[in-house]
């Protein structure tokens, strides 16, 4: 066990000291709950203009720095990305969507969202959007932008298999596509059927990306151990399967806001 792991265990034990005395009250007080009562935390990367870095902003996170991996919903720093720290996740499902987004100069905000079936550029052209090649923006005649997003729904293994989602858009997609291609081509032995995403964990970190004179925080994705390599994985596999069924039912839908579309507070070139 590493020093960091030992420290984390001590924190957990301190926070839950005396919890056994409340075992007879387990689950009490929450009332009748369902999926709509909860937020799926969104993992994001902090950029120079992220609100989490501004003390005057309600989203401010003490100690946060550019390149940190954070939980935007709960206001937690999960990893110091530029220092090489990562978050271990178990991917469960990938979802593709097209967002119609109103620019800030027109009030900003989400206009519509729809599943992406087929090629994004073909859909954008059918919608009448024109490409600004310098910024790689597909603009409609009304000035709104069409944006391709990938959402990766996962269990956060650093926080007791908490359901989370990670949005990927524009420059982020170039990072996730090679990983996704490799996963899709990892087959069950002797077959052409891909192994499920939930078979193997990943480590999500950060690096400083650059292009056209700009820099921004981008994701790193590296493979972690498979569930069979972890040891007794039955409970984790069950949790992943249950989360997958909830996602298939449509009970959980990712919350889309400005940070989902643009984590740096400004558009990056690609």
Protein backbone atom coordinates (compact mmCIF):
# COMPACT_ATOMS: atom_id res chain seq x y z
CA UNK A 1 0.00 0.00 0.00
CA UNK A 2 1.41 3.41 -0.99
CA UNK A 3 1.73 6.38 1.35
CA UNK A 4 -1.17 8.11 -0.44
CA UNK A 5 -3.35 5.02 -0.06
CA UNK A 6 -2.53 4.81 3.65
CA UNK A 7 -3.41 8.49 4.07
CA UNK A 8 -6.72 7.99 2.28
CA UNK A 9 -7.64 5.03 4.50
CA UNK A 10 -6.95 7.11 7.59
CA UNK A 11 -9.16 9.92 6.27
CA UNK A 12 -11.96 7.50 5.52
CA UNK A 13 -11.75 5.85 8.92
CA UNK A 14 -11.78 9.24 10.69
CA UNK A 15 -14.77 10.48 8.68
CA UNK A 16 -16.78 7.34 9.48
CA UNK A 17 -15.66 6.86 13.07
CA UNK A 18 -18.50 5.41 15.12
CA UNK A 19 -20.62 4.58 12.05
CA UNK A 20 -21.22 1.03 13.30
CA UNK A 21 -23.36 2.44 16.10
CA UNK A 22 -25.90 3.55 13.46
CA UNK A 23 -26.23 0.22 11.62
CA UNK A 24 -29.84 -0.26 12.72
CA UNK A 25 -30.75 3.06 11.02
CA UNK A 26 -29.11 2.24 7.67
CA UNK A 27 -30.87 4.10 4.84
CA UNK A 28 -33.28 5.97 7.10
CA UNK A 29 -34.26 9.58 6.40
CA UNK A 30 -33.92 9.60 2.62
CA UNK A 31 -37.59 8.89 1.99
CA UNK A 32 -38.82 7.39 -1.28
CA UNK A 33 -35.94 7.84 -3.72
CA UNK A 34 -35.46 7.12 -7.41
CA UNK A 35 -32.92 7.92 -10.11
CA UNK A 36 -34.35 11.42 -10.71
CA UNK A 37 -33.40 12.45 -7.15
CA UNK A 38 -29.68 12.26 -7.85
CA UNK A 39 -27.06 14.06 -9.91
CA UNK A 40 -24.52 11.99 -11.82
CA UNK A 41 -21.28 13.80 -10.98
CA UNK A 42 -19.42 15.16 -14.00
CA UNK A 43 -15.65 14.82 -14.14
CA UNK A 44 -13.95 17.80 -15.75
CA UNK A 45 -10.55 19.35 -16.36
CA UNK A 46 -9.73 22.83 -15.12
CA UNK A 47 -8.43 25.40 -17.59
CA UNK A 48 -7.14 28.92 -17.13
CA UNK A 49 -10.64 30.43 -17.14
CA UNK A 50 -12.49 27.72 -15.23
CA UNK A 51 -14.86 29.17 -12.59
CA UNK A 52 -13.49 26.74 -9.98
CA UNK A 53 -10.29 28.84 -9.92
CA UNK A 54 -12.02 32.15 -9.13
CA UNK A 55 -12.59 32.92 -5.46
CA UNK A 56 -15.53 35.17 -6.31
CA UNK A 57 -17.34 32.35 -8.12
CA UNK A 58 -19.83 30.05 -6.38
CA UNK A 59 -18.07 27.07 -8.01
CA UNK A 60 -14.68 27.96 -6.50
CA UNK A 61 -12.70 24.98 -5.16
CA UNK A 62 -9.96 25.80 -2.64
CA UNK A 63 -6.56 24.49 -3.75
CA UNK A 64 -7.66 23.85 -7.34
CA UNK A 65 -5.17 24.42 -10.16
CA UNK A 66 -5.12 24.29 -13.93
CA UNK A 67 -4.99 20.67 -15.08
CA UNK A 68 -6.80 19.28 -12.04
CA UNK A 69 -9.42 16.58 -12.54
CA UNK A 70 -12.46 17.70 -10.56
CA UNK A 71 -15.98 16.65 -9.73
CA UNK A 72 -17.92 19.71 -10.84
CA UNK A 73 -21.17 18.73 -9.14
CA UNK A 74 -19.66 17.98 -5.72
CA UNK A 75 -16.80 20.49 -5.85
CA UNK A 76 -14.01 17.97 -5.23
CA UNK A 77 -10.46 17.71 -6.59
CA UNK A 78 -9.93 14.10 -7.65
CA UNK A 79 -6.44 14.25 -9.16
CA UNK A 80 -3.64 16.73 -9.85
CA UNK A 81 -3.51 15.95 -13.55
CA UNK A 82 -0.40 17.94 -14.47
CA UNK A 83 1.45 16.25 -11.60
CA UNK A 84 0.76 12.84 -13.14
CA UNK A 85 -2.07 11.80 -10.82
CA UNK A 86 -5.01 9.89 -12.31
CA UNK A 87 -8.52 8.78 -11.43
CA UNK A 88 -9.31 5.07 -11.82
CA UNK A 89 -12.64 4.45 -13.55
CA UNK A 90 -14.59 1.48 -14.82
CA UNK A 91 -16.17 2.54 -18.14
CA UNK A 92 -19.72 1.23 -18.59
CA UNK A 93 -21.26 2.94 -21.62
CA UNK A 94 -20.33 5.45 -24.35
CA UNK A 95 -23.04 7.80 -25.65
CA UNK A 96 -22.76 10.16 -28.64
CA UNK A 97 -24.89 13.27 -28.97
CA UNK A 98 -25.15 16.40 -31.09
CA UNK A 99 -25.79 19.61 -29.18
CA UNK A 100 -27.14 22.83 -30.62
CA UNK A 101 -25.52 25.55 -28.55
CA UNK A 102 -26.36 29.27 -28.50
CA UNK A 103 -23.28 31.56 -28.34
CA UNK A 104 -22.70 33.75 -25.30
CA UNK A 105 -23.24 36.91 -27.30
CA UNK A 106 -26.82 35.73 -27.89
CA UNK A 107 -27.45 34.69 -24.29
CA UNK A 108 -25.72 31.29 -24.37
CA UNK A 109 -27.09 27.90 -23.47
CA UNK A 110 -28.33 24.58 -24.75
CA UNK A 111 -30.99 24.76 -27.45
CA UNK A 112 -31.40 21.07 -28.24
CA UNK A 113 -29.69 17.69 -28.01
CA UNK A 114 -30.13 14.53 -30.04
CA UNK A 115 -28.45 11.14 -30.32
CA UNK A 116 -25.73 11.00 -32.97
CA UNK A 117 -26.34 8.18 -35.40
CA UNK A 118 -23.80 8.00 -38.22
CA UNK A 119 -21.23 10.64 -39.15
CA UNK A 120 -21.35 14.03 -37.39
CA UNK A 121 -20.19 16.05 -40.40
CA UNK A 122 -22.90 14.52 -42.58
CA UNK A 123 -25.54 15.40 -39.98
CA UNK A 124 -24.19 18.95 -39.65
CA UNK A 125 -24.37 19.46 -43.41
CA UNK A 126 -27.92 18.10 -43.52
CA UNK A 127 -28.84 20.65 -40.87
CA UNK A 128 -27.36 23.40 -43.06
CA UNK A 129 -24.36 24.13 -40.85
CA UNK A 130 -21.20 25.65 -42.31
CA UNK A 131 -17.70 24.81 -41.07
CA UNK A 132 -15.37 27.50 -39.73
CA UNK A 133 -12.14 25.61 -40.36
CA UNK A 134 -9.96 27.87 -38.19
CA UNK A 135 -11.97 27.11 -35.02
CA UNK A 136 -13.56 23.88 -36.28
CA UNK A 137 -17.03 25.20 -35.51
CA UNK A 138 -20.14 24.06 -37.37
CA UNK A 139 -22.37 27.15 -37.44
CA UNK A 140 -26.04 27.24 -38.34
CA UNK A 141 -27.63 30.19 -40.15
CA UNK A 142 -29.07 31.40 -36.81
CA UNK A 143 -25.55 31.67 -35.36
CA UNK A 144 -25.87 28.62 -33.12
CA UNK A 145 -23.17 25.95 -33.11
CA UNK A 146 -23.59 22.21 -33.61
CA UNK A 147 -21.22 20.28 -31.35
CA UNK A 148 -20.39 16.57 -31.36
CA UNK A 149 -20.02 15.21 -27.83
CA UNK A 150 -19.09 11.81 -26.45
CA UNK A 151 -20.16 11.03 -22.90
CA UNK A 152 -18.40 8.20 -21.09
CA UNK A 153 -20.45 6.83 -18.19
CA UNK A 154 -18.27 5.13 -15.57
CA UNK A 155 -17.98 3.92 -12.01
CA UNK A 156 -15.41 5.95 -10.06
CA UNK A 157 -13.27 3.36 -8.30
CA UNK A 158 -11.51 6.01 -6.22
CA UNK A 159 -14.88 6.76 -4.57
CA UNK A 160 -16.53 3.40 -3.89
CA UNK A 161 -17.78 2.84 -7.46
CA UNK A 162 -19.76 6.10 -7.60
CA UNK A 163 -21.55 6.60 -10.97
CA UNK A 164 -20.02 9.50 -12.93
CA UNK A 165 -19.83 10.73 -16.49
CA UNK A 166 -17.02 12.36 -18.45
CA UNK A 167 -17.88 14.63 -21.40
CA UNK A 168 -15.59 14.68 -24.44
CA UNK A 169 -16.01 17.31 -27.14
CA UNK A 170 -13.99 18.92 -29.93
CA UNK A 171 -10.30 18.48 -29.04
CA UNK A 172 -11.14 15.86 -26.38
CA UNK A 173 -12.57 13.47 -28.98
CA UNK A 174 -9.16 13.03 -30.61
CA UNK A 175 -8.01 11.55 -27.28
CA UNK A 176 -10.87 9.14 -26.68
CA UNK A 177 -11.20 7.84 -30.27
CA UNK A 178 -7.93 5.81 -30.32
CA UNK A 179 -8.79 4.27 -26.95
CA UNK A 180 -12.33 3.49 -28.07
CA UNK A 181 -11.06 1.98 -31.35
CA UNK A 182 -8.70 -0.31 -29.44
CA UNK A 183 -11.47 -1.41 -27.08
CA UNK A 184 -13.89 -2.08 -29.94
CA UNK A 185 -11.29 -4.31 -31.55
CA UNK A 186 -10.55 -6.34 -28.40
CA UNK A 187 -12.61 -9.48 -28.99
CA UNK A 188 -13.66 -12.50 -27.00
CA UNK A 189 -11.13 -15.24 -27.87
CA UNK A 190 -12.04 -17.00 -31.10
CA UNK A 191 -14.93 -14.64 -31.92
CA UNK A 192 -15.64 -11.30 -33.59
CA UNK A 193 -17.62 -10.00 -30.58
CA UNK A 194 -15.94 -7.16 -28.64
CA UNK A 195 -15.45 -7.48 -24.92
CA UNK A 196 -17.77 -5.14 -22.99
CA UNK A 197 -16.40 -1.75 -21.93
CA UNK A 198 -16.87 -2.79 -18.30
CA UNK A 199 -14.34 -5.61 -18.64
CA UNK A 200 -11.30 -3.36 -18.06
CA UNK A 201 -10.63 -0.24 -15.98
CA UNK A 202 -8.96 2.96 -17.16
CA UNK A 203 -6.84 5.69 -15.60
CA UNK A 204 -7.89 9.23 -16.52
CA UNK A 205 -5.35 12.05 -16.22
CA UNK A 206 -4.43 15.31 -17.91
CA UNK A 207 -1.83 17.00 -20.09
CA UNK A 208 -1.38 20.49 -21.52
CA UNK A 209 -2.49 20.38 -25.14
CA UNK A 210 -1.69 23.10 -27.67
CA UNK A 211 -2.41 24.29 -31.20
CA UNK A 212 -2.82 27.48 -33.25
CA UNK A 213 -1.09 29.48 -30.51
CA UNK A 214 -3.46 28.29 -27.75
CA UNK A 215 -3.03 25.86 -24.86
CA UNK A 216 -5.68 23.98 -22.92
CA UNK A 217 -6.14 21.03 -20.58
CA UNK A 218 -6.85 17.71 -22.28
CA UNK A 219 -7.39 14.17 -21.09
CA UNK A 220 -5.00 11.25 -20.99
CA UNK A 221 -6.48 7.75 -21.02
CA UNK A 222 -4.45 4.69 -20.09
CA UNK A 223 -5.57 1.12 -19.56
CA UNK A 224 -5.88 -0.27 -16.06
CA UNK A 225 -6.34 -3.85 -14.86
CA UNK A 226 -9.28 -5.95 -16.01
CA UNK A 227 -11.90 -6.94 -13.46
CA UNK A 228 -10.57 -10.54 -13.25
CA UNK A 229 -7.12 -9.11 -12.49
CA UNK A 230 -8.52 -7.13 -9.55
CA UNK A 231 -9.46 -10.25 -7.58
CA UNK A 232 -12.93 -10.68 -6.12
CA UNK A 233 -14.78 -8.53 -8.63
CA UNK A 234 -18.29 -9.95 -8.35
CA UNK A 235 -19.78 -6.97 -6.50
CA UNK A 236 -18.13 -4.48 -8.87
CA UNK A 237 -19.34 -6.38 -11.93
CA UNK A 238 -22.86 -6.41 -10.50
CA UNK A 239 -22.73 -2.67 -9.83
CA UNK A 240 -21.55 -2.02 -13.38
CA UNK A 241 -24.28 -4.21 -14.87
CA UNK A 242 -26.93 -2.45 -12.76
CA UNK A 243 -25.67 0.98 -13.84
CA UNK A 244 -25.70 -0.15 -17.48
CA UNK A 245 -29.34 -1.23 -17.21
CA UNK A 246 -30.27 2.13 -15.68
CA UNK A 247 -28.53 3.93 -18.54
CA UNK A 248 -30.29 1.78 -21.13
CA UNK A 249 -33.64 2.61 -19.53
CA UNK A 250 -32.98 6.34 -19.91
CA UNK A 251 -33.42 7.02 -16.19
CA UNK A 252 -30.06 8.83 -16.04
CA UNK A 253 -29.25 11.58 -18.53
CA UNK A 254 -26.06 13.65 -18.39
CA UNK A 255 -26.56 17.26 -17.30
CA UNK A 256 -25.33 19.50 -20.12
CA UNK A 257 -24.11 23.01 -19.33
CA UNK A 258 -21.42 25.46 -20.45
CA UNK A 259 -18.63 23.56 -18.72
CA UNK A 260 -19.64 20.34 -20.48
CA UNK A 261 -19.31 22.07 -23.82
CA UNK A 262 -16.27 24.19 -23.01
CA UNK A 263 -14.25 23.51 -19.86
CA UNK A 264 -11.78 26.37 -20.42
CA UNK A 265 -14.40 29.07 -20.78
CA UNK A 266 -13.33 29.72 -24.36
CA UNK A 267 -13.36 27.78 -27.59
CA UNK A 268 -10.26 25.78 -28.46
CA UNK A 269 -9.32 25.48 -32.13
CA UNK A 270 -9.92 21.75 -32.59
